[in-house]
N, C-alpha and C. Protein backbone atom coordinates (compact mmCIF):
# COMPACT_ATOMS: atom_id res chain seq x y z
N MET A 1 -76.29 -4.78 -16.74
CA MET A 1 -77.66 -4.61 -16.64
C MET A 1 -78.51 -6.04 -16.67
N PHE A 2 -77.77 -6.44 -17.83
CA PHE A 2 -78.41 -8.38 -17.58
C PHE A 2 -78.16 -9.12 -16.06
N ILE A 3 -76.60 -8.59 -15.67
CA ILE A 3 -76.68 -9.83 -14.71
C ILE A 3 -77.44 -9.21 -13.62
N ALA A 4 -77.98 -7.91 -13.44
CA ALA A 4 -78.76 -7.37 -12.48
C ALA A 4 -80.29 -8.38 -12.84
N ALA A 5 -80.32 -8.28 -13.76
CA ALA A 5 -82.50 -8.62 -14.12
C ALA A 5 -82.22 -10.17 -14.01
N ARG A 6 -81.25 -11.16 -14.39
CA ARG A 6 -81.04 -12.27 -13.98
C ARG A 6 -81.13 -12.72 -12.70
N ARG A 7 -80.02 -11.36 -11.34
CA ARG A 7 -80.01 -11.52 -10.41
C ARG A 7 -81.81 -11.87 -9.39
N GLY A 8 -82.60 -11.14 -10.52
CA GLY A 8 -83.66 -10.31 -10.26
C GLY A 8 -84.25 -9.35 -9.88
N ASP A 9 -83.38 -8.12 -9.80
CA ASP A 9 -83.40 -7.16 -9.83
C ASP A 9 -84.75 -6.38 -10.85
N PHE A 10 -84.59 -6.75 -11.37
CA PHE A 10 -85.21 -6.44 -13.01
C PHE A 10 -86.50 -7.57 -13.58
N ASP A 11 -87.45 -6.76 -13.86
CA ASP A 11 -89.15 -7.98 -15.06
C ASP A 11 -88.39 -7.70 -16.07
N ALA A 12 -87.79 -7.29 -16.46
CA ALA A 12 -87.63 -7.05 -18.16
C ALA A 12 -86.00 -6.20 -18.34
N VAL A 13 -85.57 -6.45 -19.94
CA VAL A 13 -85.09 -5.87 -20.80
C VAL A 13 -85.33 -4.84 -21.44
N VAL A 14 -85.09 -3.72 -21.98
CA VAL A 14 -85.69 -3.55 -22.94
C VAL A 14 -84.29 -2.50 -23.76
N SER A 15 -83.94 -3.39 -24.79
CA SER A 15 -82.59 -3.09 -25.95
C SER A 15 -83.20 -2.15 -27.04
N MET A 16 -82.72 -1.52 -27.24
CA MET A 16 -82.84 -0.44 -28.62
C MET A 16 -82.69 -1.36 -30.18
N TYR A 17 -82.18 -2.44 -29.90
CA TYR A 17 -81.70 -2.84 -31.23
C TYR A 17 -82.37 -4.64 -30.66
N HIS A 18 -82.21 -5.69 -31.81
CA HIS A 18 -82.79 -6.89 -31.42
C HIS A 18 -81.59 -7.43 -30.71
N ASP A 19 -80.24 -7.22 -31.56
CA ASP A 19 -79.51 -8.06 -31.31
C ASP A 19 -78.43 -8.18 -30.32
N GLN A 20 -78.91 -6.59 -29.33
CA GLN A 20 -78.02 -6.75 -28.32
C GLN A 20 -78.87 -6.96 -27.05
N GLY A 21 -79.70 -7.18 -27.04
CA GLY A 21 -80.99 -8.12 -25.96
C GLY A 21 -80.32 -9.27 -25.98
N GLN A 22 -80.70 -9.93 -27.15
CA GLN A 22 -80.67 -11.40 -27.93
C GLN A 22 -79.57 -12.08 -27.82
N ILE A 23 -78.19 -11.30 -27.87
CA ILE A 23 -77.27 -12.33 -27.28
C ILE A 23 -77.09 -12.71 -26.24
N ALA A 24 -77.38 -11.39 -24.94
CA ALA A 24 -77.38 -11.82 -23.53
C ALA A 24 -78.27 -12.78 -23.66
N MET A 25 -79.63 -12.75 -24.17
CA MET A 25 -80.78 -13.27 -23.06
C MET A 25 -80.39 -14.83 -23.53
N LYS A 26 -79.94 -15.10 -25.00
CA LYS A 26 -79.51 -16.57 -25.31
C LYS A 26 -77.84 -17.06 -24.58
N LEU A 27 -77.55 -16.31 -23.75
CA LEU A 27 -76.39 -16.61 -23.01
C LEU A 27 -76.84 -17.32 -21.68
N MET A 28 -78.16 -16.56 -21.15
CA MET A 28 -78.16 -16.81 -20.01
C MET A 28 -79.72 -17.67 -19.78
N GLY A 29 -80.27 -17.57 -20.89
CA GLY A 29 -81.60 -19.13 -21.31
C GLY A 29 -82.41 -19.09 -22.73
N PHE A 30 -81.42 -19.93 -23.28
CA PHE A 30 -81.20 -20.44 -24.36
C PHE A 30 -82.47 -20.67 -24.40
N GLU A 31 -82.95 -21.55 -23.54
CA GLU A 31 -84.37 -22.46 -24.16
C GLU A 31 -85.80 -21.63 -23.59
N ARG A 32 -85.75 -20.87 -22.61
CA ARG A 32 -86.55 -19.86 -21.88
C ARG A 32 -86.52 -18.27 -22.48
N GLY A 33 -85.43 -17.90 -23.72
CA GLY A 33 -85.67 -16.69 -23.57
C GLY A 33 -86.87 -16.09 -24.97
N VAL A 34 -87.17 -15.07 -24.94
CA VAL A 34 -88.47 -14.35 -25.92
C VAL A 34 -88.08 -12.87 -26.07
N THR A 35 -88.39 -12.86 -26.69
CA THR A 35 -88.45 -11.02 -27.47
C THR A 35 -89.75 -11.05 -28.07
N LEU A 36 -89.77 -9.75 -27.21
CA LEU A 36 -91.69 -9.42 -27.38
C LEU A 36 -90.84 -8.14 -28.14
N HIS A 37 -91.26 -7.89 -29.47
CA HIS A 37 -90.99 -6.43 -30.51
C HIS A 37 -92.30 -5.69 -30.56
N GLY A 38 -91.81 -4.18 -29.76
CA GLY A 38 -92.54 -3.77 -29.21
C GLY A 38 -93.10 -2.32 -30.76
N GLY A 39 -94.04 -1.34 -30.52
CA GLY A 39 -94.51 -0.27 -31.82
C GLY A 39 -95.06 -1.11 -32.93
N LEU A 40 -95.90 -1.75 -33.35
CA LEU A 40 -95.74 -2.60 -34.23
C LEU A 40 -97.33 -2.60 -34.11
N PRO A 41 -98.05 -2.99 -35.16
CA PRO A 41 -99.61 -3.10 -35.09
C PRO A 41 -100.39 -4.34 -34.56
N VAL A 42 -99.34 -5.07 -34.53
CA VAL A 42 -99.68 -6.33 -33.51
C VAL A 42 -99.12 -7.00 -32.97
N PRO A 43 -99.16 -7.87 -31.71
CA PRO A 43 -98.16 -7.96 -31.20
C PRO A 43 -97.60 -9.30 -31.57
N VAL A 44 -95.64 -8.94 -30.83
CA VAL A 44 -95.05 -10.09 -31.97
C VAL A 44 -93.86 -10.68 -31.07
N ALA A 45 -94.18 -12.25 -30.87
CA ALA A 45 -93.05 -12.46 -29.78
C ALA A 45 -91.96 -13.61 -30.77
N THR A 46 -90.94 -13.80 -30.12
CA THR A 46 -89.93 -15.32 -31.16
C THR A 46 -89.09 -15.03 -30.01
N SER A 47 -88.67 -16.74 -29.61
CA SER A 47 -88.04 -17.12 -28.88
C SER A 47 -87.09 -17.74 -29.58
N ALA A 48 -85.84 -17.14 -27.96
CA ALA A 48 -84.85 -16.87 -28.38
C ALA A 48 -83.70 -18.85 -29.15
N SER A 49 -84.34 -19.45 -29.29
CA SER A 49 -84.24 -20.83 -29.84
C SER A 49 -84.06 -20.76 -31.67
N GLY A 50 -84.85 -19.86 -32.29
CA GLY A 50 -85.12 -20.10 -33.51
C GLY A 50 -86.23 -21.03 -34.05
N SER A 51 -86.08 -21.09 -35.51
CA SER A 51 -86.83 -22.70 -35.89
C SER A 51 -86.53 -23.42 -35.60
N ALA A 52 -85.44 -24.24 -35.76
CA ALA A 52 -84.90 -25.44 -35.26
C ALA A 52 -85.10 -26.20 -36.11
N TYR A 53 -84.40 -25.73 -37.37
CA TYR A 53 -84.73 -26.60 -39.08
C TYR A 53 -84.17 -28.12 -39.14
N ASP A 54 -82.93 -27.78 -38.00
CA ASP A 54 -82.00 -29.05 -38.15
C ASP A 54 -82.26 -29.96 -37.52
N ILE A 55 -83.49 -29.55 -36.83
CA ILE A 55 -84.63 -31.21 -35.60
C ILE A 55 -85.36 -30.75 -36.61
N ALA A 56 -86.08 -30.50 -36.64
CA ALA A 56 -87.50 -30.91 -37.20
C ALA A 56 -88.03 -31.58 -37.94
N GLY A 57 -89.36 -32.25 -37.15
CA GLY A 57 -89.91 -33.72 -37.59
C GLY A 57 -89.08 -34.75 -36.92
N ARG A 58 -88.52 -34.15 -35.36
CA ARG A 58 -87.22 -35.46 -35.47
C ARG A 58 -88.24 -36.22 -33.58
N GLY A 59 -88.82 -34.92 -33.59
CA GLY A 59 -89.59 -35.65 -32.20
C GLY A 59 -88.69 -35.03 -31.00
N ILE A 60 -87.59 -34.04 -30.89
CA ILE A 60 -86.66 -33.60 -30.15
C ILE A 60 -86.74 -32.22 -29.58
N ALA A 61 -87.99 -31.50 -30.50
CA ALA A 61 -87.38 -30.24 -30.24
C ALA A 61 -88.05 -29.57 -28.67
N ASN A 62 -87.77 -28.89 -27.93
CA ASN A 62 -87.78 -27.97 -27.01
C ASN A 62 -89.04 -27.12 -27.31
N ASP A 63 -90.63 -26.77 -26.84
CA ASP A 63 -90.69 -25.76 -27.31
C ASP A 63 -91.42 -24.70 -25.68
N ARG A 64 -90.73 -25.09 -24.76
CA ARG A 64 -90.69 -23.29 -23.75
C ARG A 64 -90.61 -22.33 -24.71
N GLY A 65 -89.61 -22.54 -24.97
CA GLY A 65 -89.58 -20.59 -25.91
C GLY A 65 -90.40 -20.26 -26.17
N ASN A 66 -91.58 -21.30 -27.54
CA ASN A 66 -92.43 -20.63 -28.19
C ASN A 66 -93.57 -20.89 -27.01
N ALA A 67 -93.69 -21.61 -26.14
CA ALA A 67 -94.83 -21.45 -25.02
C ALA A 67 -94.56 -20.32 -24.31
N GLY A 68 -93.46 -19.74 -24.21
CA GLY A 68 -93.34 -18.48 -23.18
C GLY A 68 -93.38 -17.06 -23.93
N GLY A 69 -93.92 -17.57 -25.54
CA GLY A 69 -93.99 -16.29 -26.09
C GLY A 69 -95.11 -16.18 -26.44
N VAL A 70 -95.57 -17.23 -26.48
CA VAL A 70 -97.16 -16.77 -26.78
C VAL A 70 -98.22 -16.36 -25.19
N ARG A 71 -97.37 -16.58 -23.98
CA ARG A 71 -98.17 -16.27 -22.76
C ARG A 71 -98.35 -14.57 -22.60
N PRO A 72 -97.29 -13.80 -23.02
CA PRO A 72 -97.50 -12.35 -23.25
C PRO A 72 -98.21 -11.62 -24.03
N VAL A 73 -98.08 -12.56 -25.48
CA VAL A 73 -99.06 -11.89 -26.89
C VAL A 73 -100.56 -12.01 -26.36
N ARG A 74 -100.44 -12.73 -25.50
CA ARG A 74 -102.44 -13.75 -25.13
C ARG A 74 -102.94 -12.19 -23.90
N ALA A 75 -101.61 -11.70 -23.09
CA ALA A 75 -102.11 -10.91 -22.17
C ALA A 75 -102.09 -9.96 -22.67
N ASP A 76 -101.81 -9.95 -23.21
CA ASP A 76 -101.86 -8.11 -24.32
C ASP A 76 -102.73 -8.39 -24.64
N GLY A 77 -103.58 -9.31 -25.98
CA GLY A 77 -105.07 -8.60 -26.20
C GLY A 77 -105.07 -8.27 -26.90
N GLY A 78 -103.63 -7.77 -28.00
CA GLY A 78 -104.13 -7.06 -29.09
C GLY A 78 -104.10 -5.97 -28.80
N ARG A 79 -104.04 -5.48 -27.37
CA ARG A 79 -103.55 -3.92 -27.08
C ARG A 79 -103.00 -3.24 -28.09
N THR A 80 -101.82 -3.25 -28.68
CA THR A 80 -100.62 -3.21 -29.55
C THR A 80 -100.74 -1.82 -30.25
N ARG A 81 -100.35 -0.54 -29.83
CA ARG A 81 -100.30 0.41 -31.09
C ARG A 81 -98.83 0.58 -31.77
């Protein structure tokens, strides 16, 4: 399924558990991956790269994953249920 998604056959992949989707997503695009958590009262998105505490304050972090997570949350406008 993830190979088909990477090929462009799908816009998104939904997994039952965080770890099922996160592993494949990290392999396909570590810097671009975003996880959207559904079923919560507020929109939540996390980047595949995580917090990167090991490089904090060094000026070398890549913010593409975080920026990618903000777009769908803003587009949702807080309408999650």
